[in-house]
Amino acid sequence: QTPDGFTRRGLDLDALRMYLAWRGASFAALRADPEEFRDPASIPAET
């Protein structure tokens, strides 16, 4: 899925876990406050 509908080439879930580990964040926290996580200023200086 994408915001526009069906796709065969969506986000790889391994890449998602890599992204979360890079940010040092939990998936639950990201879902709870997407606006904060969407802002790149919320990313720690040291990833």
ModelCIF file with pLDDT and N, C-alpha, C, O atoms, coordinates in Angstrom:
data_MODEL
#
_entry.id   MODEL 
#
_entity.id                         1 
_entity.type                       polymer 
_entity.pdbx_number_of_molecules   1 
#
_entity_poly.entity_id                      1 
_entity_poly.type                           'polypeptide(L)' 
_entity_poly.nstd_linkage                   no 
_entity_poly.nstd_monomer                   no 
_entity_poly.pdbx_seq_one_letter_code       QTPDGFTRRGLDLDALRMYLAWRGASFAALRADPEEFRDPASIPAET 
_entity_poly.pdbx_seq_one_letter_code_can   QTPDGFTRRGLDLDALRMYLAWRGASFAALRADPEEFRDPASIPAET 
_entity_poly.pdbx_strand_id                 A 
#
loop_
_entity_poly_seq.entity_id 
_entity_poly_seq.num 
_entity_poly_seq.mon_id 
_entity_poly_seq.hetero 
1 1  GLN n 
1 2  THR n 
1 3  PRO n 
1 4  ASP n 
1 5  GLY n 
1 6  PHE n 
1 7  THR n 
1 8  ARG n 
1 9  ARG n 
1 10 GLY n 
1 11 LEU n 
1 12 ASP n 
1 13 LEU n 
1 14 ASP n 
1 15 ALA n 
1 16 LEU n 
1 17 ARG n 
1 18 MET n 
1 19 TYR n 
1 20 LEU n 
1 21 ALA n 
1 22 TRP n 
1 23 ARG n 
1 24 GLY n 
1 25 ALA n 
1 26 SER n 
1 27 PHE n 
1 28 ALA n 
1 29 ALA n 
1 30 LEU n 
1 31 ARG n 
1 32 ALA n 
1 33 ASP n 
1 34 PRO n 
1 35 GLU n 
1 36 GLU n 
1 37 PHE n 
1 38 ARG n 
1 39 ASP n 
1 40 PRO n 
1 41 ALA n 
1 42 SER n 
1 43 ILE n 
1 44 PRO n 
1 45 ALA n 
1 46 GLU n 
1 47 THR n 
#
_struct_asym.id          A 
_struct_asym.entity_id   1 
#
loop_
_ma_qa_metric.id 
_ma_qa_metric.mode 
_ma_qa_metric.name 
_ma_qa_metric.software_group_id 
_ma_qa_metric.type 
1 global pLDDT . pLDDT 
2 local  pLDDT . pLDDT 
#
_ma_qa_metric_global.metric_id      1 
_ma_qa_metric_global.metric_value   93.19 
_ma_qa_metric_global.model_id       1 
_ma_qa_metric_global.ordinal_id     1 
#
loop_
_ma_qa_metric_local.label_asym_id 
_ma_qa_metric_local.label_comp_id 
_ma_qa_metric_local.label_seq_id 
_ma_qa_metric_local.metric_id 
_ma_qa_metric_local.metric_value 
_ma_qa_metric_local.model_id 
_ma_qa_metric_local.ordinal_id 
A GLN 1  2 93.00 1 1  
A THR 2  2 93.00 1 2  
A PRO 3  2 94.00 1 3  
A ASP 4  2 92.00 1 4  
A GLY 5  2 91.00 1 5  
A PHE 6  2 91.00 1 6  
A THR 7  2 91.00 1 7  
A ARG 8  2 87.00 1 8  
A ARG 9  2 86.00 1 9  
A GLY 10 2 92.00 1 10 
A LEU 11 2 94.00 1 11 
A ASP 12 2 93.00 1 12 
A LEU 13 2 93.00 1 13 
A ASP 14 2 93.00 1 14 
A ALA 15 2 94.00 1 15 
A LEU 16 2 96.00 1 16 
A ARG 17 2 95.00 1 17 
A MET 18 2 94.00 1 18 
A TYR 19 2 96.00 1 19 
A LEU 20 2 95.00 1 20 
A ALA 21 2 94.00 1 21 
A TRP 22 2 95.00 1 22 
A ARG 23 2 94.00 1 23 
A GLY 24 2 94.00 1 24 
A ALA 25 2 93.00 1 25 
A SER 26 2 94.00 1 26 
A PHE 27 2 95.00 1 27 
A ALA 28 2 95.00 1 28 
A ALA 29 2 95.00 1 29 
A LEU 30 2 95.00 1 30 
A ARG 31 2 95.00 1 31 
A ALA 32 2 95.00 1 32 
A ASP 33 2 94.00 1 33 
A PRO 34 2 94.00 1 34 
A GLU 35 2 93.00 1 35 
A GLU 36 2 94.00 1 36 
A PHE 37 2 94.00 1 37 
A ARG 38 2 94.00 1 38 
A ASP 39 2 94.00 1 39 
A PRO 40 2 93.00 1 40 
A ALA 41 2 92.00 1 41 
A SER 42 2 92.00 1 42 
A ILE 43 2 93.00 1 43 
A PRO 44 2 91.00 1 44 
A ALA 45 2 90.00 1 45 
A GLU 46 2 92.00 1 46 
A THR 47 2 93.00 1 47 
#
loop_
_atom_site.group_PDB 
_atom_site.id 
_atom_site.type_symbol 
_atom_site.label_atom_id 
_atom_site.label_alt_id 
_atom_site.label_comp_id 
_atom_site.label_asym_id 
_atom_site.label_entity_id 
_atom_site.label_seq_id 
_atom_site.pdbx_PDB_ins_code 
_atom_site.Cartn_x 
_atom_site.Cartn_y 
_atom_site.Cartn_z 
_atom_site.occupancy 
_atom_site.B_iso_or_equiv 
_atom_site.pdbx_formal_charge 
_atom_site.auth_seq_id 
_atom_site.auth_comp_id 
_atom_site.auth_asym_id 
_atom_site.auth_atom_id 
_atom_site.pdbx_PDB_model_num 
ATOM 1   N N  . GLN A 1 1  ? 0.822  -1.204 0.000  1.00 93.00 ? 1  GLN A N  1 
ATOM 2   C CA . GLN A 1 1  ? 0.000  0.000  0.000  1.00 93.00 ? 1  GLN A CA 1 
ATOM 3   C C  . GLN A 1 1  ? 0.858  1.256  0.000  1.00 93.00 ? 1  GLN A C  1 
ATOM 4   O O  . GLN A 1 1  ? 1.960  1.278  0.549  1.00 93.00 ? 1  GLN A O  1 
ATOM 5   N N  . THR A 1 2  ? 0.331  2.294  -0.624 1.00 93.00 ? 2  THR A N  1 
ATOM 6   C CA . THR A 1 2  ? 0.831  3.655  -0.494 1.00 93.00 ? 2  THR A CA 1 
ATOM 7   C C  . THR A 1 2  ? -0.390 4.510  -0.163 1.00 93.00 ? 2  THR A C  1 
ATOM 8   O O  . THR A 1 2  ? -1.507 3.991  -0.177 1.00 93.00 ? 2  THR A O  1 
ATOM 9   N N  . PRO A 1 3  ? -0.223 5.783  0.130  1.00 94.00 ? 3  PRO A N  1 
ATOM 10  C CA . PRO A 1 3  ? -1.399 6.631  0.367  1.00 94.00 ? 3  PRO A CA 1 
ATOM 11  C C  . PRO A 1 3  ? -2.360 6.672  -0.814 1.00 94.00 ? 3  PRO A C  1 
ATOM 12  O O  . PRO A 1 3  ? -3.535 7.004  -0.656 1.00 94.00 ? 3  PRO A O  1 
ATOM 13  N N  . ASP A 1 4  ? -1.851 6.330  -2.010 1.00 92.00 ? 4  ASP A N  1 
ATOM 14  C CA . ASP A 1 4  ? -2.698 6.357  -3.207 1.00 92.00 ? 4  ASP A CA 1 
ATOM 15  C C  . ASP A 1 4  ? -3.346 5.019  -3.527 1.00 92.00 ? 4  ASP A C  1 
ATOM 16  O O  . ASP A 1 4  ? -4.161 4.936  -4.446 1.00 92.00 ? 4  ASP A O  1 
ATOM 17  N N  . GLY A 1 5  ? -2.997 3.960  -2.782 1.00 91.00 ? 5  GLY A N  1 
ATOM 18  C CA . GLY A 1 5  ? -3.622 2.664  -3.038 1.00 91.00 ? 5  GLY A CA 1 
ATOM 19  C C  . GLY A 1 5  ? -2.611 1.544  -3.186 1.00 91.00 ? 5  GLY A C  1 
ATOM 20  O O  . GLY A 1 5  ? -1.520 1.602  -2.619 1.00 91.00 ? 5  GLY A O  1 
ATOM 21  N N  . PHE A 1 6  ? -2.979 0.515  -3.958 1.00 91.00 ? 6  PHE A N  1 
ATOM 22  C CA . PHE A 1 6  ? -2.200 -0.719 -4.104 1.00 91.00 ? 6  PHE A CA 1 
ATOM 23  C C  . PHE A 1 6  ? -0.885 -0.466 -4.840 1.00 91.00 ? 6  PHE A C  1 
ATOM 24  O O  . PHE A 1 6  ? -0.824 0.327  -5.780 1.00 91.00 ? 6  PHE A O  1 
ATOM 25  N N  . THR A 1 7  ? 0.164  -1.158 -4.392 1.00 91.00 ? 7  THR A N  1 
ATOM 26  C CA . THR A 1 7  ? 1.447  -1.146 -5.086 1.00 91.00 ? 7  THR A CA 1 
ATOM 27  C C  . THR A 1 7  ? 2.158  -2.461 -4.829 1.00 91.00 ? 7  THR A C  1 
ATOM 28  O O  . THR A 1 7  ? 1.983  -3.073 -3.776 1.00 91.00 ? 7  THR A O  1 
ATOM 29  N N  . ARG A 1 8  ? 2.952  -2.889 -5.779 1.00 87.00 ? 8  ARG A N  1 
ATOM 30  C CA . ARG A 1 8  ? 3.770  -4.088 -5.579 1.00 87.00 ? 8  ARG A CA 1 
ATOM 31  C C  . ARG A 1 8  ? 5.130  -3.752 -4.975 1.00 87.00 ? 8  ARG A C  1 
ATOM 32  O O  . ARG A 1 8  ? 5.842  -4.643 -4.513 1.00 87.00 ? 8  ARG A O  1 
ATOM 33  N N  . ARG A 1 9  ? 5.487  -2.488 -4.976 1.00 86.00 ? 9  ARG A N  1 
ATOM 34  C CA . ARG A 1 9  ? 6.816  -2.087 -4.520 1.00 86.00 ? 9  ARG A CA 1 
ATOM 35  C C  . ARG A 1 9  ? 6.720  -1.116 -3.359 1.00 86.00 ? 9  ARG A C  1 
ATOM 36  O O  . ARG A 1 9  ? 7.249  -0.007 -3.421 1.00 86.00 ? 9  ARG A O  1 
ATOM 37  N N  . GLY A 1 10 ? 6.046  -1.534 -2.303 1.00 92.00 ? 10 GLY A N  1 
ATOM 38  C CA . GLY A 1 10 ? 5.931  -0.702 -1.126 1.00 92.00 ? 10 GLY A CA 1 
ATOM 39  C C  . GLY A 1 10 ? 7.148  -0.797 -0.227 1.00 92.00 ? 10 GLY A C  1 
ATOM 40  O O  . GLY A 1 10 ? 8.163  -1.395 -0.585 1.00 92.00 ? 10 GLY A O  1 
ATOM 41  N N  . LEU A 1 11 ? 7.029  -0.199 0.939  1.00 94.00 ? 11 LEU A N  1 
ATOM 42  C CA . LEU A 1 11 ? 8.132  -0.148 1.895  1.00 94.00 ? 11 LEU A CA 1 
ATOM 43  C C  . LEU A 1 11 ? 8.551  -1.543 2.350  1.00 94.00 ? 11 LEU A C  1 
ATOM 44  O O  . LEU A 1 11 ? 7.708  -2.338 2.767  1.00 94.00 ? 11 LEU A O  1 
ATOM 45  N N  . ASP A 1 12 ? 9.832  -1.843 2.274  1.00 93.00 ? 12 ASP A N  1 
ATOM 46  C CA . ASP A 1 12 ? 10.379 -3.090 2.788  1.00 93.00 ? 12 ASP A CA 1 
ATOM 47  C C  . ASP A 1 12 ? 10.395 -3.020 4.308  1.00 93.00 ? 12 ASP A C  1 
ATOM 48  O O  . ASP A 1 12 ? 10.870 -2.039 4.880  1.00 93.00 ? 12 ASP A O  1 
ATOM 49  N N  . LEU A 1 13 ? 9.882  -4.049 4.962  1.00 93.00 ? 13 LEU A N  1 
ATOM 50  C CA . LEU A 1 13 ? 9.774  -4.018 6.419  1.00 93.00 ? 13 LEU A CA 1 
ATOM 51  C C  . LEU A 1 13 ? 11.129 -4.127 7.111  1.00 93.00 ? 13 LEU A C  1 
ATOM 52  O O  . LEU A 1 13 ? 11.278 -3.674 8.245  1.00 93.00 ? 13 LEU A O  1 
ATOM 53  N N  . ASP A 1 14 ? 12.111 -4.719 6.449  1.00 93.00 ? 14 ASP A N  1 
ATOM 54  C CA . ASP A 1 14 ? 13.470 -4.680 6.991  1.00 93.00 ? 14 ASP A CA 1 
ATOM 55  C C  . ASP A 1 14 ? 13.981 -3.243 7.028  1.00 93.00 ? 14 ASP A C  1 
ATOM 56  O O  . ASP A 1 14 ? 14.635 -2.829 7.985  1.00 93.00 ? 14 ASP A O  1 
ATOM 57  N N  . ALA A 1 15 ? 13.672 -2.487 5.970  1.00 94.00 ? 15 ALA A N  1 
ATOM 58  C CA . ALA A 1 15 ? 14.087 -1.079 5.923  1.00 94.00 ? 15 ALA A CA 1 
ATOM 59  C C  . ALA A 1 15 ? 13.389 -0.277 7.015  1.00 94.00 ? 15 ALA A C  1 
ATOM 60  O O  . ALA A 1 15 ? 13.981 0.637  7.589  1.00 94.00 ? 15 ALA A O  1 
ATOM 61  N N  . LEU A 1 16 ? 12.145 -0.611 7.302  1.00 96.00 ? 16 LEU A N  1 
ATOM 62  C CA . LEU A 1 16 ? 11.425 0.057  8.390  1.00 96.00 ? 16 LEU A CA 1 
ATOM 63  C C  . LEU A 1 16 ? 12.133 -0.170 9.717  1.00 96.00 ? 16 LEU A C  1 
ATOM 64  O O  . LEU A 1 16 ? 12.328 0.772  10.484 1.00 96.00 ? 16 LEU A O  1 
ATOM 65  N N  . ARG A 1 17 ? 12.520 -1.411 9.994  1.00 95.00 ? 17 ARG A N  1 
ATOM 66  C CA . ARG A 1 17 ? 13.219 -1.697 11.251 1.00 95.00 ? 17 ARG A CA 1 
ATOM 67  C C  . ARG A 1 17 ? 14.572 -0.983 11.303 1.00 95.00 ? 17 ARG A C  1 
ATOM 68  O O  . ARG A 1 17 ? 14.991 -0.520 12.364 1.00 95.00 ? 17 ARG A O  1 
ATOM 69  N N  . MET A 1 18 ? 15.247 -0.895 10.166 1.00 94.00 ? 18 MET A N  1 
ATOM 70  C CA . MET A 1 18 ? 16.508 -0.159 10.121 1.00 94.00 ? 18 MET A CA 1 
ATOM 71  C C  . MET A 1 18 ? 16.285 1.313  10.450 1.00 94.00 ? 18 MET A C  1 
ATOM 72  O O  . MET A 1 18 ? 17.072 1.918  11.179 1.00 94.00 ? 18 MET A O  1 
ATOM 73  N N  . TYR A 1 19 ? 15.224 1.880  9.918  1.00 96.00 ? 19 TYR A N  1 
ATOM 74  C CA . TYR A 1 19 ? 14.906 3.291  10.157 1.00 96.00 ? 19 TYR A CA 1 
ATOM 75  C C  . TYR A 1 19 ? 14.612 3.534  11.633 1.00 96.00 ? 19 TYR A C  1 
ATOM 76  O O  . TYR A 1 19 ? 15.089 4.510  12.212 1.00 96.00 ? 19 TYR A O  1 
ATOM 77  N N  . LEU A 1 20 ? 13.829 2.651  12.240 1.00 95.00 ? 20 LEU A N  1 
ATOM 78  C CA . LEU A 1 20 ? 13.497 2.798  13.659 1.00 95.00 ? 20 LEU A CA 1 
ATOM 79  C C  . LEU A 1 20 ? 14.740 2.671  14.530 1.00 95.00 ? 20 LEU A C  1 
ATOM 80  O O  . LEU A 1 20 ? 14.920 3.431  15.482 1.00 95.00 ? 20 LEU A O  1 
ATOM 81  N N  . ALA A 1 21 ? 15.598 1.703  14.200 1.00 94.00 ? 21 ALA A N  1 
ATOM 82  C CA . ALA A 1 21 ? 16.831 1.539  14.971 1.00 94.00 ? 21 ALA A CA 1 
ATOM 83  C C  . ALA A 1 21 ? 17.727 2.762  14.817 1.00 94.00 ? 21 ALA A C  1 
ATOM 84  O O  . ALA A 1 21 ? 18.363 3.197  15.776 1.00 94.00 ? 21 ALA A O  1 
ATOM 85  N N  . TRP A 1 22 ? 17.775 3.310  13.616 1.00 95.00 ? 22 TRP A N  1 
ATOM 86  C CA . TRP A 1 22 ? 18.580 4.505  13.343 1.00 95.00 ? 22 TRP A CA 1 
ATOM 87  C C  . TRP A 1 22 ? 18.118 5.690  14.172 1.00 95.00 ? 22 TRP A C  1 
ATOM 88  O O  . TRP A 1 22 ? 18.934 6.455  14.686 1.00 95.00 ? 22 TRP A O  1 
ATOM 89  N N  . ARG A 1 23 ? 16.794 5.842  14.301 1.00 94.00 ? 23 ARG A N  1 
ATOM 90  C CA . ARG A 1 23 ? 16.242 6.935  15.104 1.00 94.00 ? 23 ARG A CA 1 
ATOM 91  C C  . ARG A 1 23 ? 16.271 6.622  16.599 1.00 94.00 ? 23 ARG A C  1 
ATOM 92  O O  . ARG A 1 23 ? 16.135 7.527  17.422 1.00 94.00 ? 23 ARG A O  1 
ATOM 93  N N  . GLY A 1 24 ? 16.445 5.354  16.954 1.00 94.00 ? 24 GLY A N  1 
ATOM 94  C CA . GLY A 1 24 ? 16.364 4.973  18.355 1.00 94.00 ? 24 GLY A CA 1 
ATOM 95  C C  . GLY A 1 24 ? 14.958 5.086  18.877 1.00 94.00 ? 24 GLY A C  1 
ATOM 96  O O  . GLY A 1 24 ? 14.743 5.502  20.015 1.00 94.00 ? 24 GLY A O  1 
ATOM 97  N N  . ALA A 1 25 ? 13.983 4.713  18.044 1.00 93.00 ? 25 ALA A N  1 
ATOM 98  C CA . ALA A 1 25 ? 12.574 4.921  18.372 1.00 93.00 ? 25 ALA A CA 1 
ATOM 99  C C  . ALA A 1 25 ? 11.802 3.611  18.282 1.00 93.00 ? 25 ALA A C  1 
ATOM 100 O O  . ALA A 1 25 ? 12.202 2.686  17.576 1.00 93.00 ? 25 ALA A O  1 
ATOM 101 N N  . SER A 1 26 ? 10.702 3.548  19.001 1.00 94.00 ? 26 SER A N  1 
ATOM 102 C CA . SER A 1 26 ? 9.808  2.399  18.911 1.00 94.00 ? 26 SER A CA 1 
ATOM 103 C C  . SER A 1 26 ? 8.722  2.674  17.875 1.00 94.00 ? 26 SER A C  1 
ATOM 104 O O  . SER A 1 26 ? 8.369  3.826  17.621 1.00 94.00 ? 26 SER A O  1 
ATOM 105 N N  . PHE A 1 27 ? 8.207  1.620  17.293 1.00 95.00 ? 27 PHE A N  1 
ATOM 106 C CA . PHE A 1 27 ? 7.142  1.769  16.305 1.00 95.00 ? 27 PHE A CA 1 
ATOM 107 C C  . PHE A 1 27 ? 5.871  2.285  16.969 1.00 95.00 ? 27 PHE A C  1 
ATOM 108 O O  . PHE A 1 27 ? 5.125  3.061  16.372 1.00 95.00 ? 27 PHE A O  1 
ATOM 109 N N  . ALA A 1 28 ? 5.628  1.854  18.204 1.00 95.00 ? 28 ALA A N  1 
ATOM 110 C CA . ALA A 1 28 ? 4.442  2.318  18.929 1.00 95.00 ? 28 ALA A CA 1 
ATOM 111 C C  . ALA A 1 28 ? 4.485  3.826  19.129 1.00 95.00 ? 28 ALA A C  1 
ATOM 112 O O  . ALA A 1 28 ? 3.469  4.506  18.982 1.00 95.00 ? 28 ALA A O  1 
ATOM 113 N N  . ALA A 1 29 ? 5.674  4.353  19.467 1.00 95.00 ? 29 ALA A N  1 
ATOM 114 C CA . ALA A 1 29 ? 5.802  5.792  19.670 1.00 95.00 ? 29 ALA A CA 1 
ATOM 115 C C  . ALA A 1 29 ? 5.598  6.545  18.362 1.00 95.00 ? 29 ALA A C  1 
ATOM 116 O O  . ALA A 1 29 ? 4.978  7.609  18.350 1.00 95.00 ? 29 ALA A O  1 
ATOM 117 N N  . LEU A 1 30 ? 6.104  6.014  17.283 1.00 95.00 ? 30 LEU A N  1 
ATOM 118 C CA . LEU A 1 30 ? 5.936  6.654  15.975 1.00 95.00 ? 30 LEU A CA 1 
ATOM 119 C C  . LEU A 1 30 ? 4.468  6.733  15.587 1.00 95.00 ? 30 LEU A C  1 
ATOM 120 O O  . LEU A 1 30 ? 4.009  7.754  15.076 1.00 95.00 ? 30 LEU A O  1 
ATOM 121 N N  . ARG A 1 31 ? 3.727  5.646  15.833 1.00 95.00 ? 31 ARG A N  1 
ATOM 122 C CA . ARG A 1 31 ? 2.290  5.642  15.514 1.00 95.00 ? 31 ARG A CA 1 
ATOM 123 C C  . ARG A 1 31 ? 1.510  6.566  16.451 1.00 95.00 ? 31 ARG A C  1 
ATOM 124 O O  . ARG A 1 31 ? 0.493  7.140  16.062 1.00 95.00 ? 31 ARG A O  1 
ATOM 125 N N  . ALA A 1 32 ? 1.991  6.703  17.680 1.00 95.00 ? 32 ALA A N  1 
ATOM 126 C CA . ALA A 1 32 ? 1.265  7.527  18.645 1.00 95.00 ? 32 ALA A CA 1 
ATOM 127 C C  . ALA A 1 32 ? 1.385  9.016  18.344 1.00 95.00 ? 32 ALA A C  1 
ATOM 128 O O  . ALA A 1 32 ? 0.466  9.787  18.622 1.00 95.00 ? 32 ALA A O  1 
ATOM 129 N N  . ASP A 1 33 ? 2.526  9.422  17.771 1.00 94.00 ? 33 ASP A N  1 
ATOM 130 C CA . ASP A 1 33 ? 2.722  10.857 17.503 1.00 94.00 ? 33 ASP A CA 1 
ATOM 131 C C  . ASP A 1 33 ? 3.391  11.043 16.144 1.00 94.00 ? 33 ASP A C  1 
ATOM 132 O O  . ASP A 1 33 ? 4.548  11.459 16.081 1.00 94.00 ? 33 ASP A O  1 
ATOM 133 N N  . PRO A 1 34 ? 2.686  10.742 15.059 1.00 94.00 ? 34 PRO A N  1 
ATOM 134 C CA . PRO A 1 34 ? 3.296  10.822 13.729 1.00 94.00 ? 34 PRO A CA 1 
ATOM 135 C C  . PRO A 1 34 ? 3.744  12.224 13.347 1.00 94.00 ? 34 PRO A C  1 
ATOM 136 O O  . PRO A 1 34 ? 4.721  12.376 12.615 1.00 94.00 ? 34 PRO A O  1 
ATOM 137 N N  . GLU A 1 35 ? 3.049  13.254 13.828 1.00 93.00 ? 35 GLU A N  1 
ATOM 138 C CA . GLU A 1 35 ? 3.422  14.621 13.474 1.00 93.00 ? 35 GLU A CA 1 
ATOM 139 C C  . GLU A 1 35 ? 4.820  14.961 13.985 1.00 93.00 ? 35 GLU A C  1 
ATOM 140 O O  . GLU A 1 35 ? 5.612  15.592 13.285 1.00 93.00 ? 35 GLU A O  1 
ATOM 141 N N  . GLU A 1 36 ? 5.109  14.537 15.208 1.00 94.00 ? 36 GLU A N  1 
ATOM 142 C CA . GLU A 1 36 ? 6.446  14.800 15.754 1.00 94.00 ? 36 GLU A CA 1 
ATOM 143 C C  . GLU A 1 36 ? 7.505  14.064 14.950 1.00 94.00 ? 36 GLU A C  1 
ATOM 144 O O  . GLU A 1 36 ? 8.540  14.639 14.615 1.00 94.00 ? 36 GLU A O  1 
ATOM 145 N N  . PHE A 1 37 ? 7.254  12.794 14.637 1.00 94.00 ? 37 PHE A N  1 
ATOM 146 C CA . PHE A 1 37 ? 8.248  11.993 13.933 1.00 94.00 ? 37 PHE A CA 1 
ATOM 147 C C  . PHE A 1 37 ? 8.404  12.421 12.475 1.00 94.00 ? 37 PHE A C  1 
ATOM 148 O O  . PHE A 1 37 ? 9.459  12.224 11.872 1.00 94.00 ? 37 PHE A O  1 
ATOM 149 N N  . ARG A 1 38 ? 7.365  12.995 11.928 1.00 94.00 ? 38 ARG A N  1 
ATOM 150 C CA . ARG A 1 38 ? 7.427  13.465 10.548 1.00 94.00 ? 38 ARG A CA 1 
ATOM 151 C C  . ARG A 1 38 ? 8.364  14.672 10.424 1.00 94.00 ? 38 ARG A C  1 
ATOM 152 O O  . ARG A 1 38 ? 8.938  14.910 9.361  1.00 94.00 ? 38 ARG A O  1 
ATOM 153 N N  . ASP A 1 39 ? 8.515  15.419 11.498 1.00 94.00 ? 39 ASP A N  1 
ATOM 154 C CA . ASP A 1 39 ? 9.384  16.587 11.506 1.00 94.00 ? 39 ASP A CA 1 
ATOM 155 C C  . ASP A 1 39 ? 10.835 16.129 11.654 1.00 94.00 ? 39 ASP A C  1 
ATOM 156 O O  . ASP A 1 39 ? 11.181 15.546 12.681 1.00 94.00 ? 39 ASP A O  1 
ATOM 157 N N  . PRO A 1 40 ? 11.686 16.373 10.669 1.00 93.00 ? 40 PRO A N  1 
ATOM 158 C CA . PRO A 1 40 ? 13.081 15.910 10.773 1.00 93.00 ? 40 PRO A CA 1 
ATOM 159 C C  . PRO A 1 40 ? 13.839 16.526 11.935 1.00 93.00 ? 40 PRO A C  1 
ATOM 160 O O  . PRO A 1 40 ? 14.872 15.995 12.344 1.00 93.00 ? 40 PRO A O  1 
ATOM 161 N N  . ALA A 1 41 ? 13.349 17.639 12.477 1.00 92.00 ? 41 ALA A N  1 
ATOM 162 C CA . ALA A 1 41 ? 14.008 18.251 13.630 1.00 92.00 ? 41 ALA A CA 1 
ATOM 163 C C  . ALA A 1 41 ? 13.926 17.365 14.863 1.00 92.00 ? 41 ALA A C  1 
ATOM 164 O O  . ALA A 1 41 ? 14.685 17.553 15.814 1.00 92.00 ? 41 ALA A O  1 
ATOM 165 N N  . SER A 1 42 ? 12.994 16.384 14.856 1.00 92.00 ? 42 SER A N  1 
ATOM 166 C CA . SER A 1 42 ? 12.852 15.498 16.016 1.00 92.00 ? 42 SER A CA 1 
ATOM 167 C C  . SER A 1 42 ? 13.898 14.390 16.036 1.00 92.00 ? 42 SER A C  1 
ATOM 168 O O  . SER A 1 42 ? 14.002 13.652 17.017 1.00 92.00 ? 42 SER A O  1 
ATOM 169 N N  . ILE A 1 43 ? 14.667 14.268 14.966 1.00 93.00 ? 43 ILE A N  1 
ATOM 170 C CA . ILE A 1 43 ? 15.687 13.218 14.905 1.00 93.00 ? 43 ILE A CA 1 
ATOM 171 C C  . ILE A 1 43 ? 16.871 13.625 15.770 1.00 93.00 ? 43 ILE A C  1 
ATOM 172 O O  . ILE A 1 43 ? 17.349 14.754 15.660 1.00 93.00 ? 43 ILE A O  1 
ATOM 173 N N  . PRO A 1 44 ? 17.355 12.734 16.626 1.00 91.00 ? 44 PRO A N  1 
ATOM 174 C CA . PRO A 1 44 ? 18.500 13.083 17.478 1.00 91.00 ? 44 PRO A CA 1 
ATOM 175 C C  . PRO A 1 44 ? 19.717 13.479 16.648 1.00 91.00 ? 44 PRO A C  1 
ATOM 176 O O  . PRO A 1 44 ? 19.907 12.987 15.536 1.00 91.00 ? 44 PRO A O  1 
ATOM 177 N N  . ALA A 1 45 ? 20.534 14.368 17.196 1.00 90.00 ? 45 ALA A N  1 
ATOM 178 C CA . ALA A 1 45 ? 21.758 14.780 16.505 1.00 90.00 ? 45 ALA A CA 1 
ATOM 179 C C  . ALA A 1 45 ? 22.679 13.586 16.285 1.00 90.00 ? 45 ALA A C  1 
ATOM 180 O O  . ALA A 1 45 ? 23.324 13.469 15.243 1.00 90.00 ? 45 ALA A O  1 
ATOM 181 N N  . GLU A 1 46 ? 22.733 12.702 17.281 1.00 92.00 ? 46 GLU A N  1 
ATOM 182 C CA . GLU A 1 46 ? 23.534 11.483 17.175 1.00 92.00 ? 46 GLU A CA 1 
ATOM 183 C C  . GLU A 1 46 ? 22.592 10.312 16.939 1.00 92.00 ? 46 GLU A C  1 
ATOM 184 O O  . GLU A 1 46 ? 21.886 9.877  17.849 1.00 92.00 ? 46 GLU A O  1 
ATOM 185 N N  . THR A 1 47 ? 22.588 9.815  15.733 1.00 93.00 ? 47 THR A N  1 
ATOM 186 C CA . THR A 1 47 ? 21.737 8.664  15.407 1.00 93.00 ? 47 THR A CA 1 
ATOM 187 C C  . THR A 1 47 ? 22.473 7.367  15.699 1.00 93.00 ? 47 THR A C  1 
ATOM 188 O O  . THR A 1 47 ? 21.924 6.285  15.490 1.00 93.00 ? 47 THR A O  1 
#
